[in-house]
Amino acid sequence: MSQRLVRAKAKIKTAGIPFQIPEAEVLPDRLDDVLDAIYACFSDGWADTAGSEPARHEHSSEAIWLGQLVASLLPGEPEALSLLALMLYSQARRAARRDGAGRYVPLSEQDPAVWDSTMISQADALVREAGRKDGLGRFQLQAAIQAVHAARLRTGRTDWLAIEQLYDALWAITGSAVVAINRAVAVAETRGPREGLDALDTVATDNQVLGYQPYWAARARLLLRCGNLDAADEAYTIAFGLERDPAVCDFLERQRQALRH
């Protein structure tokens, strides 16, 4: 990190970059990088599922504060509003990620009564406001997906067809293998586990996903639903080996042991 700072200082000095607040008209051109940085900060804190690192936990709160600042400075930018909504939806579910015994609980098994309804209402309002603006970006689609999940608080169900359609749109924008994995999970809910596996197979040779724990965990669940216990066991084993969060490791091992018994 110190080397990066030295290089950055040298670049600033050599290029003669002035230290000043940018004019309003140039802010939109810088927005994507700023939003990516804020979301990376939030994700770092969100990844601490066990809550064992207080400093990382604070990263999420700081990122939300930064998101609120950007949204207030650029109220006409739907992506700024949508990123803030996306972070609020996630933060609203933080307490539900662990049960009374401190064990990790995935989104599909969380009790919506534990979610922060006030924070969800704030996020809903931001999604509606972003929807009234021109354009459609990736943060807007990601926030819309989380809005559908959050609606379970009111309806008691998840509209998987809507989630699949939103992931279709997100895939068209990003072409991301991670998006394809999440879409495959939605396909399994709308059309069955076999079609979900077929959708997952479209990225099975992508080097990015072979070392990505959620890919193997999703594959294990779908293989289990298809009755392929040996392959599911193998996929759970790979997922366990790729995970570093003790709480998630414990969850994956419990899933694997339940499969064996």
C-alpha atoms as a PDB file:
ATOM      1  CA  MET A   1       0.000   0.000   0.000  1.00  0.00           C
ATOM      2  CA  SER A   2       2.846   2.414   0.825  1.00  0.00           C
ATOM      3  CA  GLN A   3       4.362   1.743  -2.604  1.00  0.00           C
ATOM      4  CA  ARG A   4       1.047   2.549  -4.255  1.00  0.00           C
ATOM      5  CA  LEU A   5       0.848   5.821  -2.335  1.00  0.00           C
ATOM      6  CA  VAL A   6       4.373   6.757  -3.407  1.00  0.00           C
ATOM      7  CA  ARG A   7       3.542   6.033  -7.048  1.00  0.00           C
ATOM      8  CA  ALA A   8       0.299   7.999  -6.815  1.00  0.00           C
ATOM      9  CA  LYS A   9       2.102  11.006  -5.318  1.00  0.00           C
ATOM     10  CA  ALA A  10       4.730  10.849  -8.033  1.00  0.00           C
ATOM     11  CA  LYS A  11       2.056  10.726 -10.727  1.00  0.00           C
ATOM     12  CA  ILE A  12       0.240  13.717  -9.232  1.00  0.00           C
ATOM     13  CA  LYS A  13       3.489  15.706  -9.066  1.00  0.00           C
ATOM     14  CA  THR A  14       4.645  14.784 -12.588  1.00  0.00           C
ATOM     15  CA  ALA A  15       1.281  15.415 -14.223  1.00  0.00           C
ATOM     16  CA  GLY A  16       0.698  18.624 -12.288  1.00  0.00           C
ATOM     17  CA  ILE A  17      -2.760  17.461 -11.129  1.00  0.00           C
ATOM     18  CA  PRO A  18      -4.267  20.282  -9.019  1.00  0.00           C
ATOM     19  CA  PHE A  19      -5.654  19.560  -5.575  1.00  0.00           C
ATOM     20  CA  GLN A  20      -9.141  20.986  -5.873  1.00  0.00           C
ATOM     21  CA  ILE A  21     -12.787  20.010  -5.710  1.00  0.00           C
ATOM     22  CA  PRO A  22     -13.947  19.097  -9.253  1.00  0.00           C
ATOM     23  CA  GLU A  23     -16.567  21.259 -10.899  1.00  0.00           C
ATOM     24  CA  ALA A  24     -20.084  19.839 -10.939  1.00  0.00           C
ATOM     25  CA  GLU A  25     -20.080  19.195 -14.679  1.00  0.00           C
ATOM     26  CA  VAL A  26     -17.151  16.737 -14.475  1.00  0.00           C
ATOM     27  CA  LEU A  27     -18.521  14.712 -11.559  1.00  0.00           C
ATOM     28  CA  PRO A  28     -20.693  12.342 -13.661  1.00  0.00           C
ATOM     29  CA  ASP A  29     -17.634  11.213 -15.646  1.00  0.00           C
ATOM     30  CA  ARG A  30     -15.990  10.108 -12.403  1.00  0.00           C
ATOM     31  CA  LEU A  31     -19.088   8.546 -10.894  1.00  0.00           C
ATOM     32  CA  ASP A  32     -18.617   4.909 -11.917  1.00  0.00           C
ATOM     33  CA  ASP A  33     -15.185   4.660 -10.300  1.00  0.00           C
ATOM     34  CA  VAL A  34     -16.414   6.363  -7.136  1.00  0.00           C
ATOM     35  CA  LEU A  35     -19.424   4.061  -6.821  1.00  0.00           C
ATOM     36  CA  ASP A  36     -17.246   0.991  -7.421  1.00  0.00           C
ATOM     37  CA  ALA A  37     -14.894   2.104  -4.650  1.00  0.00           C
ATOM     38  CA  ILE A  38     -17.756   2.708  -2.223  1.00  0.00           C
ATOM     39  CA  TYR A  39     -19.312  -0.670  -2.975  1.00  0.00           C
ATOM     40  CA  ALA A  40     -15.934  -2.400  -2.556  1.00  0.00           C
ATOM     41  CA  CYS A  41     -15.643  -0.788   0.875  1.00  0.00           C
ATOM     42  CA  PHE A  42     -19.146  -1.939   1.804  1.00  0.00           C
ATOM     43  CA  SER A  43     -18.508  -5.467   0.525  1.00  0.00           C
ATOM     44  CA  ASP A  44     -15.356  -5.768   2.614  1.00  0.00           C
ATOM     45  CA  GLY A  45     -17.340  -5.120   5.764  1.00  0.00           C
ATOM     46  CA  TRP A  46     -20.260  -7.266   4.597  1.00  0.00           C
ATOM     47  CA  ALA A  47     -17.933 -10.225   4.008  1.00  0.00           C
ATOM     48  CA  ASP A  48     -17.235 -10.439   7.750  1.00  0.00           C
ATOM     49  CA  THR A  49     -20.202 -12.750   8.334  1.00  0.00           C
ATOM     50  CA  ALA A  50     -19.100 -13.792  11.800  1.00  0.00           C
ATOM     51  CA  GLY A  51     -18.716 -10.174  12.937  1.00  0.00           C
ATOM     52  CA  SER A  52     -15.332 -11.022  14.409  1.00  0.00           C
ATOM     53  CA  GLU A  53     -13.495  -8.003  12.954  1.00  0.00           C
ATOM     54  CA  PRO A  54     -15.051  -4.756  14.250  1.00  0.00           C
ATOM     55  CA  ALA A  55     -12.855  -2.586  12.022  1.00  0.00           C
ATOM     56  CA  ARG A  56     -14.114  -4.329   8.889  1.00  0.00           C
ATOM     57  CA  HIS A  57     -17.682  -4.180  10.182  1.00  0.00           C
ATOM     58  CA  GLU A  58     -17.373  -0.377  10.314  1.00  0.00           C
ATOM     59  CA  HIS A  59     -16.438  -0.319   6.622  1.00  0.00           C
ATOM     60  CA  SER A  60     -20.061  -1.049   5.726  1.00  0.00           C
ATOM     61  CA  SER A  61     -21.364   1.851   7.820  1.00  0.00           C
ATOM     62  CA  GLU A  62     -18.754   4.199   6.376  1.00  0.00           C
ATOM     63  CA  ALA A  63     -19.644   3.096   2.836  1.00  0.00           C
ATOM     64  CA  ILE A  64     -23.325   3.811   3.464  1.00  0.00           C
ATOM     65  CA  TRP A  65     -22.405   7.276   4.747  1.00  0.00           C
ATOM     66  CA  LEU A  66     -20.362   7.881   1.594  1.00  0.00           C
ATOM     67  CA  GLY A  67     -23.242   6.576  -0.520  1.00  0.00           C
ATOM     68  CA  GLN A  68     -25.602   9.018   1.175  1.00  0.00           C
ATOM     69  CA  LEU A  69     -23.149  11.845   0.515  1.00  0.00           C
ATOM     70  CA  VAL A  70     -22.833  11.035  -3.195  1.00  0.00           C
ATOM     71  CA  ALA A  71     -26.602  10.637  -3.577  1.00  0.00           C
ATOM     72  CA  SER A  72     -27.155  14.030  -1.947  1.00  0.00           C
ATOM     73  CA  LEU A  73     -24.550  15.673  -4.199  1.00  0.00           C
ATOM     74  CA  LEU A  74     -25.886  14.013  -7.365  1.00  0.00           C
ATOM     75  CA  PRO A  75     -29.630  13.508  -6.754  1.00  0.00           C
ATOM     76  CA  GLY A  76     -30.305  13.142 -10.475  1.00  0.00           C
ATOM     77  CA  GLU A  77     -28.012  10.131 -10.881  1.00  0.00           C
ATOM     78  CA  PRO A  78     -30.027   6.873 -10.680  1.00  0.00           C
ATOM     79  CA  GLU A  79     -26.900   4.764 -10.128  1.00  0.00           C
ATOM     80  CA  ALA A  80     -25.925   6.769  -7.040  1.00  0.00           C
ATOM     81  CA  LEU A  81     -29.418   6.373  -5.608  1.00  0.00           C
ATOM     82  CA  SER A  82     -29.449   2.691  -6.499  1.00  0.00           C
ATOM     83  CA  LEU A  83     -26.102   1.886  -4.892  1.00  0.00           C
ATOM     84  CA  LEU A  84     -27.298   3.480  -1.674  1.00  0.00           C
ATOM     85  CA  ALA A  85     -30.493   1.406  -1.867  1.00  0.00           C
ATOM     86  CA  LEU A  86     -28.491  -1.759  -2.546  1.00  0.00           C
ATOM     87  CA  MET A  87     -26.326  -1.203   0.541  1.00  0.00           C
ATOM     88  CA  LEU A  88     -29.335  -0.379   2.724  1.00  0.00           C
ATOM     89  CA  TYR A  89     -31.147  -3.571   1.677  1.00  0.00           C
ATOM     90  CA  SER A  90     -28.108  -5.620   2.614  1.00  0.00           C
ATOM     91  CA  GLN A  91     -27.483  -3.775   5.869  1.00  0.00           C
ATOM     92  CA  ALA A  92     -31.135  -4.255   6.834  1.00  0.00           C
ATOM     93  CA  ARG A  93     -30.569  -8.019   6.829  1.00  0.00           C
ATOM     94  CA  ARG A  94     -27.300  -8.027   8.745  1.00  0.00           C
ATOM     95  CA  ALA A  95     -28.770  -9.169  12.067  1.00  0.00           C
ATOM     96  CA  ALA A  96     -30.569 -12.065  10.360  1.00  0.00           C
ATOM     97  CA  ARG A  97     -27.357 -13.517   8.930  1.00  0.00           C
ATOM     98  CA  ARG A  98     -26.692 -15.355  12.194  1.00  0.00           C
ATOM     99  CA  ASP A  99     -29.090 -17.315  14.397  1.00  0.00           C
ATOM    100  CA  GLY A 100     -29.281 -17.381  18.185  1.00  0.00           C
ATOM    101  CA  ALA A 101     -26.348 -19.797  18.325  1.00  0.00           C
ATOM    102  CA  GLY A 102     -24.214 -17.550  16.134  1.00  0.00           C
ATOM    103  CA  ARG A 103     -24.447 -19.778  13.063  1.00  0.00           C
ATOM    104  CA  TYR A 104     -24.572 -18.402   9.515  1.00  0.00           C
ATOM    105  CA  VAL A 105     -28.047 -18.215   7.927  1.00  0.00           C
ATOM    106  CA  PRO A 106     -28.350 -17.796   4.118  1.00  0.00           C
ATOM    107  CA  LEU A 107     -30.836 -15.299   2.701  1.00  0.00           C
ATOM    108  CA  SER A 108     -33.355 -17.967   1.684  1.00  0.00           C
ATOM    109  CA  GLU A 109     -33.593 -19.221   5.284  1.00  0.00           C
ATOM    110  CA  GLN A 110     -33.589 -15.879   7.087  1.00  0.00           C
ATOM    111  CA  ASP A 111     -36.541 -14.791   9.191  1.00  0.00           C
ATOM    112  CA  PRO A 112     -37.824 -11.537   7.605  1.00  0.00           C
ATOM    113  CA  ALA A 113     -39.125 -10.440  11.007  1.00  0.00           C
ATOM    114  CA  VAL A 114     -35.503  -9.846  12.015  1.00  0.00           C
ATOM    115  CA  TRP A 115     -34.871  -7.519   9.083  1.00  0.00           C
ATOM    116  CA  ASP A 116     -34.807  -3.757   9.659  1.00  0.00           C
ATOM    117  CA  SER A 117     -38.118  -2.655   8.121  1.00  0.00           C
ATOM    118  CA  THR A 118     -37.283   1.057   8.407  1.00  0.00           C
ATOM    119  CA  MET A 119     -34.083   0.644   6.437  1.00  0.00           C
ATOM    120  CA  ILE A 120     -35.915  -1.434   3.824  1.00  0.00           C
ATOM    121  CA  SER A 121     -38.531   1.305   3.441  1.00  0.00           C
ATOM    122  CA  GLN A 122     -35.743   3.837   2.875  1.00  0.00           C
ATOM    123  CA  ALA A 123     -34.230   1.590   0.216  1.00  0.00           C
ATOM    124  CA  ASP A 124     -37.624   1.085  -1.446  1.00  0.00           C
ATOM    125  CA  ALA A 125     -38.065   4.850  -1.724  1.00  0.00           C
ATOM    126  CA  LEU A 126     -34.629   5.195  -3.320  1.00  0.00           C
ATOM    127  CA  VAL A 127     -35.411   2.452  -5.872  1.00  0.00           C
ATOM    128  CA  ARG A 128     -38.650   4.208  -6.814  1.00  0.00           C
ATOM    129  CA  GLU A 129     -36.828   7.532  -7.141  1.00  0.00           C
ATOM    130  CA  ALA A 130     -34.107   5.975  -9.316  1.00  0.00           C
ATOM    131  CA  GLY A 131     -36.793   4.412 -11.499  1.00  0.00           C
ATOM    132  CA  ARG A 132     -38.103   7.856 -12.355  1.00  0.00           C
ATOM    133  CA  LYS A 133     -34.722   8.875 -13.819  1.00  0.00           C
ATOM    134  CA  ASP A 134     -33.416   8.204 -17.329  1.00  0.00           C
ATOM    135  CA  GLY A 135     -31.188   5.228 -17.994  1.00  0.00           C
ATOM    136  CA  LEU A 136     -30.794   1.761 -16.503  1.00  0.00           C
ATOM    137  CA  GLY A 137     -27.515   0.686 -14.894  1.00  0.00           C
ATOM    138  CA  ARG A 138     -26.126  -2.310 -13.055  1.00  0.00           C
ATOM    139  CA  PHE A 139     -26.589  -0.887  -9.561  1.00  0.00           C
ATOM    140  CA  GLN A 140     -30.200  -0.080 -10.427  1.00  0.00           C
ATOM    141  CA  LEU A 141     -30.792  -3.694 -11.467  1.00  0.00           C
ATOM    142  CA  GLN A 142     -28.961  -5.079  -8.429  1.00  0.00           C
ATOM    143  CA  ALA A 143     -31.028  -2.883  -6.140  1.00  0.00           C
ATOM    144  CA  ALA A 144     -34.213  -4.021  -7.891  1.00  0.00           C
ATOM    145  CA  ILE A 145     -33.248  -7.657  -7.263  1.00  0.00           C
ATOM    146  CA  GLN A 146     -32.741  -6.938  -3.582  1.00  0.00           C
ATOM    147  CA  ALA A 147     -36.059  -5.089  -3.518  1.00  0.00           C
ATOM    148  CA  VAL A 148     -37.785  -8.271  -4.703  1.00  0.00           C
ATOM    149  CA  HIS A 149     -36.067 -10.279  -1.960  1.00  0.00           C
ATOM    150  CA  ALA A 150     -36.994  -7.640   0.622  1.00  0.00           C
ATOM    151  CA  ALA A 151     -40.647  -7.818  -0.436  1.00  0.00           C
ATOM    152  CA  ARG A 152     -40.799 -11.176   1.361  1.00  0.00           C
ATOM    153  CA  LEU A 153     -41.138  -9.120   4.535  1.00  0.00           C
ATOM    154  CA  ARG A 154     -44.597  -8.029   3.326  1.00  0.00           C
ATOM    155  CA  THR A 155     -45.739 -10.908   1.109  1.00  0.00           C
ATOM    156  CA  GLY A 156     -44.159 -13.941   2.751  1.00  0.00           C
ATOM    157  CA  ARG A 157     -42.898 -15.174  -0.641  1.00  0.00           C
ATOM    158  CA  THR A 158     -40.145 -14.510  -3.184  1.00  0.00           C
ATOM    159  CA  ASP A 159     -41.039 -13.632  -6.773  1.00  0.00           C
ATOM    160  CA  TRP A 160     -38.361 -15.759  -8.433  1.00  0.00           C
ATOM    161  CA  LEU A 161     -39.625 -15.062 -11.944  1.00  0.00           C
ATOM    162  CA  ALA A 162     -39.040 -11.340 -11.428  1.00  0.00           C
ATOM    163  CA  ILE A 163     -35.571 -12.081 -10.048  1.00  0.00           C
ATOM    164  CA  GLU A 164     -34.732 -14.254 -13.061  1.00  0.00           C
ATOM    165  CA  GLN A 165     -35.834 -11.509 -15.453  1.00  0.00           C
ATOM    166  CA  LEU A 166     -33.788  -8.899 -13.604  1.00  0.00           C
ATOM    167  CA  TYR A 167     -30.720 -11.137 -13.729  1.00  0.00           C
ATOM    168  CA  ASP A 168     -31.308 -11.553 -17.467  1.00  0.00           C
ATOM    169  CA  ALA A 169     -31.095  -7.779 -17.829  1.00  0.00           C
ATOM    170  CA  LEU A 170     -28.065  -7.565 -15.537  1.00  0.00           C
ATOM    171  CA  TRP A 171     -26.305 -10.294 -17.521  1.00  0.00           C
ATOM    172  CA  ALA A 172     -26.951  -8.351 -20.754  1.00  0.00           C
ATOM    173  CA  ILE A 173     -25.196  -5.328 -19.223  1.00  0.00           C
ATOM    174  CA  THR A 174     -22.294  -7.008 -17.421  1.00  0.00           C
ATOM    175  CA  GLY A 175     -21.718 -10.463 -18.929  1.00  0.00           C
ATOM    176  CA  SER A 176     -20.475 -11.400 -15.463  1.00  0.00           C
ATOM    177  CA  ALA A 177     -20.014 -15.059 -14.531  1.00  0.00           C
ATOM    178  CA  VAL A 178     -21.117 -14.207 -10.989  1.00  0.00           C
ATOM    179  CA  VAL A 179     -24.377 -12.826 -12.366  1.00  0.00           C
ATOM    180  CA  ALA A 180     -24.805 -16.030 -14.377  1.00  0.00           C
ATOM    181  CA  ILE A 181     -24.458 -18.088 -11.184  1.00  0.00           C
ATOM    182  CA  ASN A 182     -27.126 -16.067  -9.393  1.00  0.00           C
ATOM    183  CA  ARG A 183     -29.363 -16.282 -12.449  1.00  0.00           C
ATOM    184  CA  ALA A 184     -28.973 -20.080 -12.452  1.00  0.00           C
ATOM    185  CA  VAL A 185     -30.202 -20.199  -8.846  1.00  0.00           C
ATOM    186  CA  ALA A 186     -33.288 -18.201  -9.876  1.00  0.00           C
ATOM    187  CA  VAL A 187     -33.846 -20.483 -12.885  1.00  0.00           C
ATOM    188  CA  ALA A 188     -33.797 -23.482 -10.545  1.00  0.00           C
ATOM    189  CA  GLU A 189     -36.618 -21.877  -8.552  1.00  0.00           C
ATOM    190  CA  THR A 190     -38.740 -21.052 -11.601  1.00  0.00           C
ATOM    191  CA  ARG A 191     -38.096 -24.081 -13.830  1.00  0.00           C
ATOM    192  CA  GLY A 192     -36.543 -26.732 -11.615  1.00  0.00           C
ATOM    193  CA  PRO A 193     -33.060 -27.820 -10.501  1.00  0.00           C
ATOM    194  CA  ARG A 194     -32.147 -29.576 -13.750  1.00  0.00           C
ATOM    195  CA  GLU A 195     -32.588 -26.393 -15.787  1.00  0.00           C
ATOM    196  CA  GLY A 196     -30.778 -24.517 -13.055  1.00  0.00           C
ATOM    197  CA  LEU A 197     -27.812 -26.863 -13.443  1.00  0.00           C
ATOM    198  CA  ASP A 198     -27.908 -26.411 -17.213  1.00  0.00           C
ATOM    199  CA  ALA A 199     -27.730 -22.641 -16.684  1.00  0.00           C
ATOM    200  CA  LEU A 200     -24.857 -23.112 -14.249  1.00  0.00           C
ATOM    201  CA  ASP A 201     -23.003 -25.256 -16.775  1.00  0.00           C
ATOM    202  CA  THR A 202     -22.757 -22.273 -19.136  1.00  0.00           C
ATOM    203  CA  VAL A 203     -19.993 -20.865 -16.905  1.00  0.00           C
ATOM    204  CA  ALA A 204     -18.554 -24.169 -15.658  1.00  0.00           C
ATOM    205  CA  THR A 205     -15.380 -23.739 -17.708  1.00  0.00           C
ATOM    206  CA  ASP A 206     -14.816 -20.120 -16.699  1.00  0.00           C
ATOM    207  CA  ASN A 207     -11.607 -19.893 -14.666  1.00  0.00           C
ATOM    208  CA  GLN A 208     -13.165 -17.123 -12.595  1.00  0.00           C
ATOM    209  CA  VAL A 209     -15.819 -19.423 -11.109  1.00  0.00           C
ATOM    210  CA  LEU A 210     -13.675 -22.510 -10.512  1.00  0.00           C
ATOM    211  CA  GLY A 211     -12.184 -20.811  -7.465  1.00  0.00           C
ATOM    212  CA  TYR A 212     -15.424 -19.109  -6.430  1.00  0.00           C
ATOM    213  CA  GLN A 213     -17.087 -20.690  -3.402  1.00  0.00           C
ATOM    214  CA  PRO A 214     -20.699 -19.635  -4.175  1.00  0.00           C
ATOM    215  CA  TYR A 215     -20.505 -21.430  -7.536  1.00  0.00           C
ATOM    216  CA  TRP A 216     -19.697 -24.745  -5.880  1.00  0.00           C
ATOM    217  CA  ALA A 217     -22.218 -24.210  -3.079  1.00  0.00           C
ATOM    218  CA  ALA A 218     -24.951 -23.463  -5.633  1.00  0.00           C
ATOM    219  CA  ARG A 219     -23.910 -26.476  -7.683  1.00  0.00           C
ATOM    220  CA  ALA A 220     -24.015 -28.692  -4.606  1.00  0.00           C
ATOM    221  CA  ARG A 221     -27.556 -27.585  -3.724  1.00  0.00           C
ATOM    222  CA  LEU A 222     -28.846 -28.163  -7.253  1.00  0.00           C
ATOM    223  CA  LEU A 223     -27.134 -31.559  -7.544  1.00  0.00           C
ATOM    224  CA  LEU A 224     -28.716 -32.542  -4.243  1.00  0.00           C
ATOM    225  CA  ARG A 225     -32.149 -31.499  -5.491  1.00  0.00           C
ATOM    226  CA  CYS A 226     -31.544 -33.626  -8.597  1.00  0.00           C
ATOM    227  CA  GLY A 227     -30.706 -36.623  -6.408  1.00  0.00           C
ATOM    228  CA  ASN A 228     -27.022 -36.793  -7.383  1.00  0.00           C
ATOM    229  CA  LEU A 229     -25.690 -37.209  -3.852  1.00  0.00           C
ATOM    230  CA  ASP A 230     -22.095 -38.163  -4.671  1.00  0.00           C
ATOM    231  CA  ALA A 231     -21.572 -35.177  -6.968  1.00  0.00           C
ATOM    232  CA  ALA A 232     -23.288 -32.894  -4.429  1.00  0.00           C
ATOM    233  CA  ASP A 233     -20.953 -34.154  -1.692  1.00  0.00           C
ATOM    234  CA  GLU A 234     -17.931 -33.455  -3.882  1.00  0.00           C
ATOM    235  CA  ALA A 235     -19.160 -29.939  -4.705  1.00  0.00           C
ATOM    236  CA  TYR A 236     -19.756 -29.171  -1.012  1.00  0.00           C
ATOM    237  CA  THR A 237     -16.234 -30.378  -0.246  1.00  0.00           C
ATOM    238  CA  ILE A 238     -14.760 -28.019  -2.854  1.00  0.00           C
ATOM    239  CA  ALA A 239     -16.902 -25.120  -1.594  1.00  0.00           C
ATOM    240  CA  PHE A 240     -15.739 -25.774   1.963  1.00  0.00           C
ATOM    241  CA  GLY A 241     -12.109 -25.759   0.858  1.00  0.00           C
ATOM    242  CA  LEU A 242     -12.504 -22.396  -0.864  1.00  0.00           C
ATOM    243  CA  GLU A 243     -14.243 -20.594   2.000  1.00  0.00           C
ATOM    244  CA  ARG A 244     -12.283 -18.666   4.658  1.00  0.00           C
ATOM    245  CA  ASP A 245     -15.116 -17.356   6.825  1.00  0.00           C
ATOM    246  CA  PRO A 246     -15.477 -19.738   9.803  1.00  0.00           C
ATOM    247  CA  ALA A 247     -19.241 -19.152  10.034  1.00  0.00           C
ATOM    248  CA  VAL A 248     -19.816 -20.002   6.376  1.00  0.00           C
ATOM    249  CA  CYS A 249     -17.439 -22.975   6.604  1.00  0.00           C
ATOM    250  CA  ASP A 250     -19.501 -24.316   9.486  1.00  0.00           C
ATOM    251  CA  PHE A 251     -22.700 -23.869   7.446  1.00  0.00           C
ATOM    252  CA  LEU A 252     -21.253 -25.698   4.430  1.00  0.00           C
ATOM    253  CA  GLU A 253     -20.000 -28.545   6.580  1.00  0.00           C
ATOM    254  CA  ARG A 254     -23.410 -28.903   8.237  1.00  0.00           C
ATOM    255  CA  GLN A 255     -25.003 -29.050   4.784  1.00  0.00           C
ATOM    256  CA  ARG A 256     -22.568 -31.720   3.700  1.00  0.00           C
ATOM    257  CA  GLN A 257     -23.048 -33.783   6.836  1.00  0.00           C
ATOM    258  CA  ALA A 258     -26.831 -33.592   6.470  1.00  0.00           C
ATOM    259  CA  LEU A 259     -26.465 -34.885   2.928  1.00  0.00           C
ATOM    260  CA  ARG A 260     -24.386 -37.855   4.094  1.00  0.00           C
ATOM    261  CA  HIS A 261     -26.844 -38.825   6.796  1.00  0.00           C
END
